[in-house]
PDB file of N, CA and C in Angstrom:
ATOM      1  N   MET A   1     142.480 -32.905 -20.862  1.00  0.00           N
ATOM      2  CA  MET A   1     142.663 -31.969 -19.712  1.00  0.00           C
ATOM      3  C   MET A   1     143.854 -32.647 -19.328  1.00  0.00           C
ATOM      4  N   GLU A   2     144.795 -31.796 -18.751  1.00  0.00           N
ATOM      5  CA  GLU A   2     146.309 -32.454 -18.361  1.00  0.00           C
ATOM      6  C   GLU A   2     146.607 -31.950 -16.671  1.00  0.00           C
ATOM      7  N   LEU A   3     147.046 -32.324 -16.000  1.00  0.00           N
ATOM      8  CA  LEU A   3     147.230 -32.500 -14.619  1.00  0.00           C
ATOM      9  C   LEU A   3     148.521 -32.563 -14.168  1.00  0.00           C
ATOM     10  N   GLN A   4     149.108 -31.755 -13.724  1.00  0.00           N
ATOM     11  CA  GLN A   4     150.585 -31.982 -13.246  1.00  0.00           C
ATOM     12  C   GLN A   4     150.991 -32.660 -11.999  1.00  0.00           C
ATOM     13  N   VAL A   5     151.697 -33.884 -12.011  1.00  0.00           N
ATOM     14  CA  VAL A   5     151.978 -34.985 -11.248  1.00  0.00           C
ATOM     15  C   VAL A   5     153.033 -34.189 -10.171  1.00  0.00           C
ATOM     16  N   VAL A   6     152.593 -34.519  -8.901  1.00  0.00           N
ATOM     17  CA  VAL A   6     153.708 -33.679  -7.868  1.00  0.00           C
ATOM     18  C   VAL A   6     154.310 -34.826  -6.821  1.00  0.00           C
ATOM     19  N   LYS A   7     155.460 -34.544  -6.524  1.00  0.00           N
ATOM     20  CA  LYS A   7     156.076 -35.612  -5.807  1.00  0.00           C
ATOM     21  C   LYS A   7     155.664 -35.504  -4.218  1.00  0.00           C
ATOM     22  N   ILE A   8     154.957 -36.564  -3.570  1.00  0.00           N
ATOM     23  CA  ILE A   8     154.335 -36.825  -2.334  1.00  0.00           C
ATOM     24  C   ILE A   8     155.322 -37.723  -1.772  1.00  0.00           C
ATOM     25  N   GLY A   9     156.132 -37.576  -1.384  1.00  0.00           N
ATOM     26  CA  GLY A   9     157.180 -38.504  -0.372  1.00  0.00           C
ATOM     27  C   GLY A   9     157.853 -39.182  -1.641  1.00  0.00           C
ATOM     28  N   ASN A  10     157.606 -40.363  -1.710  1.00  0.00           N
ATOM     29  CA  ASN A  10     158.132 -41.791  -2.541  1.00  0.00           C
ATOM     30  C   ASN A  10     157.501 -41.881  -3.612  1.00  0.00           C
ATOM     31  N   SER A  11     156.014 -40.974  -3.419  1.00  0.00           N
ATOM     32  CA  SER A  11     154.724 -41.621  -4.395  1.00  0.00           C
ATOM     33  C   SER A  11     154.923 -40.324  -5.307  1.00  0.00           C
ATOM     34  N   GLY A  12     153.590 -40.316  -6.222  1.00  0.00           N
ATOM     35  CA  GLY A  12     153.212 -39.148  -7.199  1.00  0.00           C
ATOM     36  C   GLY A  12     151.885 -38.970  -6.928  1.00  0.00           C
ATOM     37  N   GLY A  13     151.253 -37.498  -6.892  1.00  0.00           N
ATOM     38  CA  GLY A  13     149.902 -37.409  -6.758  1.00  0.00           C
ATOM     39  C   GLY A  13     149.798 -36.397  -7.551  1.00  0.00           C
ATOM     40  N   THR A  14     148.463 -36.179  -7.589  1.00  0.00           N
ATOM     41  CA  THR A  14     147.925 -34.801  -8.501  1.00  0.00           C
ATOM     42  C   THR A  14     146.508 -34.215  -8.088  1.00  0.00           C
ATOM     43  N   ARG A  15     146.118 -32.903  -8.272  1.00  0.00           N
ATOM     44  CA  ARG A  15     144.993 -32.362  -7.689  1.00  0.00           C
ATOM     45  C   ARG A  15     143.770 -32.530  -8.786  1.00  0.00           C
ATOM     46  N   PHE A  16     142.839 -32.558  -8.502  1.00  0.00           N
ATOM     47  CA  PHE A  16     141.746 -32.036  -8.964  1.00  0.00           C
ATOM     48  C   PHE A  16     141.089 -30.854  -9.048  1.00  0.00           C
ATOM     49  N   SER A  17     140.432 -30.491  -9.818  1.00  0.00           N
ATOM     50  CA  SER A  17     139.956 -28.924  -9.834  1.00  0.00           C
ATOM     51  C   SER A  17     138.700 -28.928  -8.965  1.00  0.00           C
ATOM     52  N   LYS A  18     138.115 -27.777  -8.700  1.00  0.00           N
ATOM     53  CA  LYS A  18     136.744 -27.660  -7.862  1.00  0.00           C
ATOM     54  C   LYS A  18     135.773 -28.379  -8.849  1.00  0.00           C
ATOM     55  N   GLU A  19     135.709 -27.943  -9.921  1.00  0.00           N
ATOM     56  CA  GLU A  19     134.814 -28.314 -10.870  1.00  0.00           C
ATOM     57  C   GLU A  19     134.561 -29.654 -11.264  1.00  0.00           C
ATOM     58  N   LEU A  20     135.806 -30.406 -11.331  1.00  0.00           N
ATOM     59  CA  LEU A  20     135.862 -31.685 -11.495  1.00  0.00           C
ATOM     60  C   LEU A  20     135.090 -32.550 -10.215  1.00  0.00           C
ATOM     61  N   ILE A  21     135.552 -32.119  -9.122  1.00  0.00           N
ATOM     62  CA  ILE A  21     135.546 -32.779  -7.916  1.00  0.00           C
ATOM     63  C   ILE A  21     133.838 -32.341  -7.758  1.00  0.00           C
ATOM     64  N   ARG A  22     133.056 -30.962  -8.027  1.00  0.00           N
ATOM     65  CA  ARG A  22     131.582 -31.055  -7.859  1.00  0.00           C
ATOM     66  C   ARG A  22     130.724 -31.959  -9.197  1.00  0.00           C
ATOM     67  N   LYS A  23     131.346 -31.948 -10.041  1.00  0.00           N
ATOM     68  CA  LYS A  23     130.825 -32.527 -11.388  1.00  0.00           C
ATOM     69  C   LYS A  23     130.625 -33.757 -11.196  1.00  0.00           C
ATOM     70  N   TYR A  24     131.592 -34.577 -10.538  1.00  0.00           N
ATOM     71  CA  TYR A  24     131.780 -36.344 -10.266  1.00  0.00           C
ATOM     72  C   TYR A  24     131.142 -36.619  -8.985  1.00  0.00           C
ATOM     73  N   LYS A  25     131.204 -36.036  -7.987  1.00  0.00           N
ATOM     74  CA  LYS A  25     130.658 -36.071  -6.708  1.00  0.00           C
ATOM     75  C   LYS A  25     131.748 -37.141  -6.270  1.00  0.00           C
ATOM     76  N   ILE A  26     132.931 -36.354  -6.460  1.00  0.00           N
ATOM     77  CA  ILE A  26     133.940 -36.591  -5.559  1.00  0.00           C
ATOM     78  C   ILE A  26     134.098 -36.676  -4.147  1.00  0.00           C
ATOM     79  N   MET A  27     134.169 -37.542  -3.184  1.00  0.00           N
ATOM     80  CA  MET A  27     134.061 -37.240  -1.528  1.00  0.00           C
ATOM     81  C   MET A  27     135.766 -37.199  -0.717  1.00  0.00           C
ATOM     82  N   ASP A  28     136.099 -38.543  -0.556  1.00  0.00           N
ATOM     83  CA  ASP A  28     137.059 -38.742   0.029  1.00  0.00           C
ATOM     84  C   ASP A  28     137.808 -39.929  -0.678  1.00  0.00           C
ATOM     85  N   LYS A  29     137.343 -40.618  -1.649  1.00  0.00           N
ATOM     86  CA  LYS A  29     138.223 -41.736  -2.293  1.00  0.00           C
ATOM     87  C   LYS A  29     137.720 -41.665  -3.826  1.00  0.00           C
ATOM     88  N   VAL A  30     138.438 -42.172  -4.279  1.00  0.00           N
ATOM     89  CA  VAL A  30     138.275 -42.751  -5.849  1.00  0.00           C
ATOM     90  C   VAL A  30     138.988 -44.101  -6.158  1.00  0.00           C
ATOM     91  N   GLU A  31     138.421 -44.740  -7.098  1.00  0.00           N
ATOM     92  CA  GLU A  31     138.707 -46.418  -7.422  1.00  0.00           C
ATOM     93  C   GLU A  31     139.321 -45.909  -8.615  1.00  0.00           C
ATOM     94  N   ILE A  32     140.585 -47.108  -8.617  1.00  0.00           N
ATOM     95  CA  ILE A  32     141.555 -46.812  -9.699  1.00  0.00           C
ATOM     96  C   ILE A  32     141.126 -48.459 -10.493  1.00  0.00           C
ATOM     97  N   ILE A  33     141.031 -47.947 -12.038  1.00  0.00           N
ATOM     98  CA  ILE A  33     140.937 -49.472 -12.835  1.00  0.00           C
ATOM     99  C   ILE A  33     141.801 -48.985 -13.610  1.00  0.00           C
ATOM    100  N   GLU A  34     142.806 -50.172 -13.743  1.00  0.00           N
ATOM    101  CA  GLU A  34     143.626 -50.156 -14.867  1.00  0.00           C
ATOM    102  C   GLU A  34     142.792 -50.894 -15.999  1.00  0.00           C
ATOM    103  N   ARG A  35     142.871 -49.983 -17.241  1.00  0.00           N
ATOM    104  CA  ARG A  35     142.505 -50.758 -18.610  1.00  0.00           C
ATOM    105  C   ARG A  35     143.428 -50.563 -19.428  1.00  0.00           C
ATOM    106  N   ASP A  36     144.169 -51.772 -19.963  1.00  0.00           N
ATOM    107  CA  ASP A  36     145.188 -51.549 -21.526  1.00  0.00           C
ATOM    108  C   ASP A  36     145.926 -50.844 -21.309  1.00  0.00           C
ATOM    109  N   ASP A  37     145.855 -49.518 -21.526  1.00  0.00           N
ATOM    110  CA  ASP A  37     146.869 -48.861 -21.635  1.00  0.00           C
ATOM    111  C   ASP A  37     146.661 -47.018 -20.851  1.00  0.00           C
ATOM    112  N   CYS A  38     145.745 -47.709 -20.141  1.00  0.00           N
ATOM    113  CA  CYS A  38     145.153 -46.071 -19.468  1.00  0.00           C
ATOM    114  C   CYS A  38     144.570 -46.559 -17.817  1.00  0.00           C
ATOM    115  N   ILE A  39     144.381 -45.788 -17.159  1.00  0.00           N
ATOM    116  CA  ILE A  39     143.722 -45.414 -15.529  1.00  0.00           C
ATOM    117  C   ILE A  39     142.935 -44.910 -15.697  1.00  0.00           C
ATOM    118  N   VAL A  40     141.573 -45.380 -15.245  1.00  0.00           N
ATOM    119  CA  VAL A  40     140.350 -44.788 -15.231  1.00  0.00           C
ATOM    120  C   VAL A  40     140.174 -44.713 -13.841  1.00  0.00           C
ATOM    121  N   LEU A  41     139.657 -43.000 -12.970  1.00  0.00           N
ATOM    122  CA  LEU A  41     139.479 -43.021 -12.066  1.00  0.00           C
ATOM    123  C   LEU A  41     138.046 -42.820 -11.745  1.00  0.00           C
ATOM    124  N   LYS A  42     137.432 -43.541 -10.818  1.00  0.00           N
ATOM    125  CA  LYS A  42     136.285 -43.219 -10.727  1.00  0.00           C
ATOM    126  C   LYS A  42     135.663 -42.959  -9.425  1.00  0.00           C
ATOM    127  N   PRO A  43     134.625 -42.169  -8.974  1.00  0.00           N
ATOM    128  CA  PRO A  43     134.134 -41.978  -7.444  1.00  0.00           C
ATOM    129  C   PRO A  43     133.508 -43.056  -6.998  1.00  0.00           C
ATOM    130  N   THR A  44     133.872 -43.334  -5.630  1.00  0.00           N
ATOM    131  CA  THR A  44     133.439 -44.541  -5.125  1.00  0.00           C
ATOM    132  C   THR A  44     132.002 -44.051  -4.557  1.00  0.00           C
ATOM    133  N   ALA A  45     131.029 -44.875  -4.732  1.00  0.00           N
ATOM    134  CA  ALA A  45     129.695 -44.433  -4.271  1.00  0.00           C
ATOM    135  C   ALA A  45     129.530 -44.645  -2.759  1.00  0.00           C
ATOM    136  N   ALA A  46     128.719 -43.864  -2.165  1.00  0.00           N
ATOM    137  CA  ALA A  46     128.842 -44.071  -0.550  1.00  0.00           C
ATOM    138  C   ALA A  46     127.808 -45.796  -0.626  1.00  0.00           C
ATOM    139  N   PRO A  47     127.817 -46.808   0.219  1.00  0.00           N
ATOM    140  CA  PRO A  47     127.706 -47.707   0.599  1.00  0.00           C
ATOM    141  C   PRO A  47     126.253 -48.171   0.658  1.00  0.00           C
ATOM    142  N   ARG A  48     125.751 -46.968   1.353  1.00  0.00           N
ATOM    143  CA  ARG A  48     124.364 -47.232   1.463  1.00  0.00           C
ATOM    144  C   ARG A  48     123.163 -46.005   0.561  1.00  0.00           C
ATOM    145  N   GLU A  49     124.117 -45.615  -0.134  1.00  0.00           N
ATOM    146  CA  GLU A  49     123.501 -44.475  -1.190  1.00  0.00           C
ATOM    147  C   GLU A  49     122.380 -45.091  -1.933  1.00  0.00           C
ATOM    148  N   ASN A  50     121.048 -44.682  -1.915  1.00  0.00           N
ATOM    149  CA  ASN A  50     119.920 -45.091  -2.348  1.00  0.00           C
ATOM    150  C   ASN A  50     118.895 -46.220  -1.878  1.00  0.00           C
ATOM    151  N   TRP A  51     119.292 -46.483  -0.580  1.00  0.00           N
ATOM    152  CA  TRP A  51     118.704 -47.528   0.042  1.00  0.00           C
ATOM    153  C   TRP A  51     117.399 -47.338   0.252  1.00  0.00           C
ATOM    154  N   ASP A  52     117.184 -45.865   0.313  1.00  0.00           N
ATOM    155  CA  ASP A  52     115.945 -45.731   1.328  1.00  0.00           C
ATOM    156  C   ASP A  52     114.939 -45.657  -0.381  1.00  0.00           C
ATOM    157  N   GLU A  53     115.424 -45.697  -1.270  1.00  0.00           N
ATOM    158  CA  GLU A  53     114.471 -46.096  -2.587  1.00  0.00           C
ATOM    159  C   GLU A  53     114.507 -47.335  -2.904  1.00  0.00           C
ATOM    160  N   ALA A  54     115.477 -47.928  -2.833  1.00  0.00           N
ATOM    161  CA  ALA A  54     115.337 -49.226  -2.950  1.00  0.00           C
ATOM    162  C   ALA A  54     114.303 -50.057  -2.150  1.00  0.00           C
ATOM    163  N   PHE A  55     114.278 -49.451  -0.618  1.00  0.00           N
ATOM    164  CA  PHE A  55     113.750 -49.948   0.368  1.00  0.00           C
ATOM    165  C   PHE A  55     111.954 -49.442  -0.067  1.00  0.00           C
ATOM    166  N   ARG A  56     111.780 -48.202  -0.552  1.00  0.00           N
ATOM    167  CA  ARG A  56     110.440 -47.782  -0.758  1.00  0.00           C
ATOM    168  C   ARG A  56     109.806 -48.838  -2.040  1.00  0.00           C
ATOM    169  N   GLU A  57     111.189 -49.190  -3.151  1.00  0.00           N
ATOM    170  CA  GLU A  57     110.284 -50.020  -3.882  1.00  0.00           C
ATOM    171  C   GLU A  57     110.200 -51.307  -3.500  1.00  0.00           C
ATOM    172  N   MET A  58     110.459 -52.005  -2.588  1.00  0.00           N
ATOM    173  CA  MET A  58     110.231 -53.621  -2.108  1.00  0.00           C
ATOM    174  C   MET A  58     108.967 -53.425  -1.264  1.00  0.00           C
ATOM    175  N   HIS A  59     108.760 -52.223  -0.463  1.00  0.00           N
ATOM    176  CA  HIS A  59     107.701 -51.910   0.045  1.00  0.00           C
ATOM    177  C   HIS A  59     106.533 -52.091  -0.869  1.00  0.00           C
ATOM    178  N   LEU A  60     106.387 -51.290  -1.697  1.00  0.00           N
ATOM    179  CA  LEU A  60     105.763 -51.172  -2.948  1.00  0.00           C
ATOM    180  C   LEU A  60     105.229 -52.863  -3.468  1.00  0.00           C
ATOM    181  N   ASN A  61     106.303 -53.392  -3.588  1.00  0.00           N
ATOM    182  CA  ASN A  61     106.363 -54.725  -4.253  1.00  0.00           C
ATOM    183  C   ASN A  61     106.023 -55.628  -3.590  1.00  0.00           C
ATOM    184  N   SER A  62     105.657 -55.220  -1.896  1.00  0.00           N
ATOM    185  CA  SER A  62     105.389 -56.450  -0.853  1.00  0.00           C
ATOM    186  C   SER A  62     106.540 -57.103  -0.322  1.00  0.00           C
ATOM    187  N   ASP A  63     107.930 -56.806  -1.001  1.00  0.00           N
ATOM    188  CA  ASP A  63     109.101 -57.932  -0.818  1.00  0.00           C
ATOM    189  C   ASP A  63     109.787 -57.424   0.580  1.00  0.00           C
ATOM    190  N   ASP A  64     108.638 -56.739   1.173  1.00  0.00           N
ATOM    191  CA  ASP A  64     109.660 -56.332   2.558  1.00  0.00           C
ATOM    192  C   ASP A  64     108.805 -56.895   4.026  1.00  0.00           C
ATOM    193  N   ARG A  65     108.203 -58.223   3.619  1.00  0.00           N
ATOM    194  CA  ARG A  65     107.669 -58.750   4.636  1.00  0.00           C
ATOM    195  C   ARG A  65     108.666 -59.795   5.304  1.00  0.00           C
ATOM    196  N   LEU A  66     108.253 -60.153   6.562  1.00  0.00           N
ATOM    197  CA  LEU A  66     109.160 -61.452   7.374  1.00  0.00           C
ATOM    198  C   LEU A  66     108.695 -62.854   6.843  1.00  0.00           C
ATOM    199  N   PHE A  67     109.857 -63.681   6.502  1.00  0.00           N
ATOM    200  CA  PHE A  67     109.354 -64.958   6.085  1.00  0.00           C
ATOM    201  C   PHE A  67     108.777 -65.919   7.376  1.00  0.00           C
ATOM    202  N   PHE A  68     108.689 -65.285   8.606  1.00  0.00           N
ATOM    203  CA  PHE A  68     108.657 -65.714   9.663  1.00  0.00           C
ATOM    204  C   PHE A  68     108.319 -65.170  10.672  1.00  0.00           C
ATOM    205  N   ASP A  69     107.397 -65.220  11.441  1.00  0.00           N
ATOM    206  CA  ASP A  69     106.954 -64.214  12.695  1.00  0.00           C
ATOM    207  C   ASP A  69     108.478 -63.999  13.499  1.00  0.00           C
ATOM    208  N   ASP A  70     108.033 -62.364  14.094  1.00  0.00           N
ATOM    209  CA  ASP A  70     109.309 -62.045  14.820  1.00  0.00           C
ATOM    210  C   ASP A  70     109.555 -62.548  16.045  1.00  0.00           C
ATOM    211  N   ILE A  71     108.315 -63.015  16.876  1.00  0.00           N
ATOM    212  CA  ILE A  71     108.500 -63.268  18.022  1.00  0.00           C
ATOM    213  C   ILE A  71     107.913 -65.150  18.347  1.00  0.00           C
ATOM    214  N   PHE A  72     108.420 -65.760  18.349  1.00  0.00           N
ATOM    215  CA  PHE A  72     108.452 -67.402  18.643  1.00  0.00           C
ATOM    216  C   PHE A  72     107.430 -67.793  20.017  1.00  0.00           C
ATOM    217  N   ALA A  73     106.554 -68.698  19.858  1.00  0.00           N
ATOM    218  CA  ALA A  73     105.842 -68.832  21.079  1.00  0.00           C
ATOM    219  C   ALA A  73     106.048 -69.127  22.312  1.00  0.00           C
ATOM    220  N   ASP A  74     107.587 -69.499  22.221  1.00  0.00           N
ATOM    221  CA  ASP A  74     108.381 -69.388  23.444  1.00  0.00           C
ATOM    222  C   ASP A  74     109.068 -68.330  24.144  1.00  0.00           C
ATOM    223  N   GLU A  75     108.796 -67.310  23.459  1.00  0.00           N
ATOM    224  CA  GLU A  75     109.419 -65.899  23.628  1.00  0.00           C
ATOM    225  C   GLU A  75     108.125 -64.944  24.049  1.00  0.00           C
ATOM    226  N   ILE A  76     106.904 -65.180  23.916  1.00  0.00           N
ATOM    227  CA  ILE A  76     105.922 -64.662  24.361  1.00  0.00           C
ATOM    228  C   ILE A  76     105.963 -64.225  25.914  1.00  0.00           C
ATOM    229  N   PRO A  77     105.876 -63.457  26.367  1.00  0.00           N
ATOM    230  CA  PRO A  77     106.023 -62.716  27.865  1.00  0.00           C
ATOM    231  C   PRO A  77     104.586 -63.377  28.490  1.00  0.00           C
ATOM    232  N   VAL A  78     104.612 -63.864  29.807  1.00  0.00           N
ATOM    233  CA  VAL A  78     103.797 -64.283  30.512  1.00  0.00           C
ATOM    234  C   VAL A  78     103.484 -63.257  31.365  1.00  0.00           C
ATOM    235  N   LEU A  79     101.923 -62.768  31.412  1.00  0.00           N
ATOM    236  CA  LEU A  79     101.639 -61.573  32.026  1.00  0.00           C
ATOM    237  C   LEU A  79     100.691 -62.010  33.466  1.00  0.00           C
TER     238      LEU A  79
END
C-alpha cells in the first residue's frame, strides 16, 4: 500500500484510510519504531486497557489481599 506524503508546515505527514484506522484500532496516537531501513507505526494501547481482566485474575489467585491491615491500632476511632 502506498500513501502520499503531504507537506504540513516544515514537516511531512500522511493520512490513514478509515479501514486501516478501524482494523488496527488507531485512536489518537501511534508509536514510531525505527528498524534498520524501515519505519514501523504501531497503535499505542490505552494505559489501563485490560486492567479489569488482570484484577479478576488476581482475585481468582488470591493475589489481591493486603499485606497488612489497612487500619492501624492508633487509627481506630474511639466511640
